[in-house]
């Protein structure tokens, strides 16, 4: 199975996308990720 994960997240504090991708790969899936990362610079977003 091929999976494409799309995410918009805060990079420093949210590693769920990586964990989900690794679990899918363990079960034989080919995973591609498109992640729009937001970096916190001390400014409210």
C-alpha atoms as a PDB file:
ATOM      1  CA  UNK A   1       0.000   0.000   0.000  1.00  0.00           C
ATOM      2  CA  UNK A   2       1.191   3.516  -0.763  1.00  0.00           C
ATOM      3  CA  UNK A   3       0.368   6.320   1.683  1.00  0.00           C
ATOM      4  CA  UNK A   4       0.789  10.091   1.344  1.00  0.00           C
ATOM      5  CA  UNK A   5       0.630  11.995   4.623  1.00  0.00           C
ATOM      6  CA  UNK A   6      -0.139  15.712   4.553  1.00  0.00           C
ATOM      7  CA  UNK A   7       0.363  17.772   7.710  1.00  0.00           C
ATOM      8  CA  UNK A   8       0.542  21.355   8.923  1.00  0.00           C
ATOM      9  CA  UNK A   9       2.122  21.363  12.364  1.00  0.00           C
ATOM     10  CA  UNK A  10       4.461  22.950  14.859  1.00  0.00           C
ATOM     11  CA  UNK A  11       7.763  21.235  14.107  1.00  0.00           C
ATOM     12  CA  UNK A  12       9.474  21.496  17.505  1.00  0.00           C
ATOM     13  CA  UNK A  13       6.684  20.006  19.592  1.00  0.00           C
ATOM     14  CA  UNK A  14       4.719  17.629  17.352  1.00  0.00           C
ATOM     15  CA  UNK A  15       6.401  14.458  16.119  1.00  0.00           C
ATOM     16  CA  UNK A  16       3.205  12.476  15.449  1.00  0.00           C
ATOM     17  CA  UNK A  17       3.735  12.514  11.676  1.00  0.00           C
ATOM     18  CA  UNK A  18       7.080  10.774  12.011  1.00  0.00           C
ATOM     19  CA  UNK A  19       5.677   8.201  14.441  1.00  0.00           C
ATOM     20  CA  UNK A  20       2.695   7.455  12.158  1.00  0.00           C
ATOM     21  CA  UNK A  21       4.994   7.120   9.133  1.00  0.00           C
ATOM     22  CA  UNK A  22       7.322   4.723  10.940  1.00  0.00           C
ATOM     23  CA  UNK A  23       4.416   2.525  12.102  1.00  0.00           C
ATOM     24  CA  UNK A  24       2.986   2.342   8.583  1.00  0.00           C
ATOM     25  CA  UNK A  25       6.418   1.464   7.148  1.00  0.00           C
ATOM     26  CA  UNK A  26       6.801  -1.356   9.693  1.00  0.00           C
ATOM     27  CA  UNK A  27       3.590  -2.839   8.286  1.00  0.00           C
ATOM     28  CA  UNK A  28       4.909  -2.714   4.708  1.00  0.00           C
ATOM     29  CA  UNK A  29       3.500   0.606   3.472  1.00  0.00           C
ATOM     30  CA  UNK A  30       5.485   2.996   1.278  1.00  0.00           C
ATOM     31  CA  UNK A  31       5.046   6.412   2.898  1.00  0.00           C
ATOM     32  CA  UNK A  32       5.541   9.851   1.365  1.00  0.00           C
ATOM     33  CA  UNK A  33       5.122  12.944   3.536  1.00  0.00           C
ATOM     34  CA  UNK A  34       4.269  16.526   2.705  1.00  0.00           C
ATOM     35  CA  UNK A  35       4.698  18.629   5.824  1.00  0.00           C
ATOM     36  CA  UNK A  36       4.250  22.370   6.129  1.00  0.00           C
ATOM     37  CA  UNK A  37       6.269  23.063   9.263  1.00  0.00           C
ATOM     38  CA  UNK A  38       5.705  26.094  11.455  1.00  0.00           C
ATOM     39  CA  UNK A  39       8.669  27.171  13.563  1.00  0.00           C
ATOM     40  CA  UNK A  40       7.947  29.000  16.795  1.00  0.00           C
ATOM     41  CA  UNK A  41      10.066  32.126  17.147  1.00  0.00           C
ATOM     42  CA  UNK A  42       8.600  33.410  20.375  1.00  0.00           C
ATOM     43  CA  UNK A  43       5.637  34.867  18.510  1.00  0.00           C
ATOM     44  CA  UNK A  44       2.038  33.732  18.942  1.00  0.00           C
ATOM     45  CA  UNK A  45       0.728  32.122  15.793  1.00  0.00           C
END
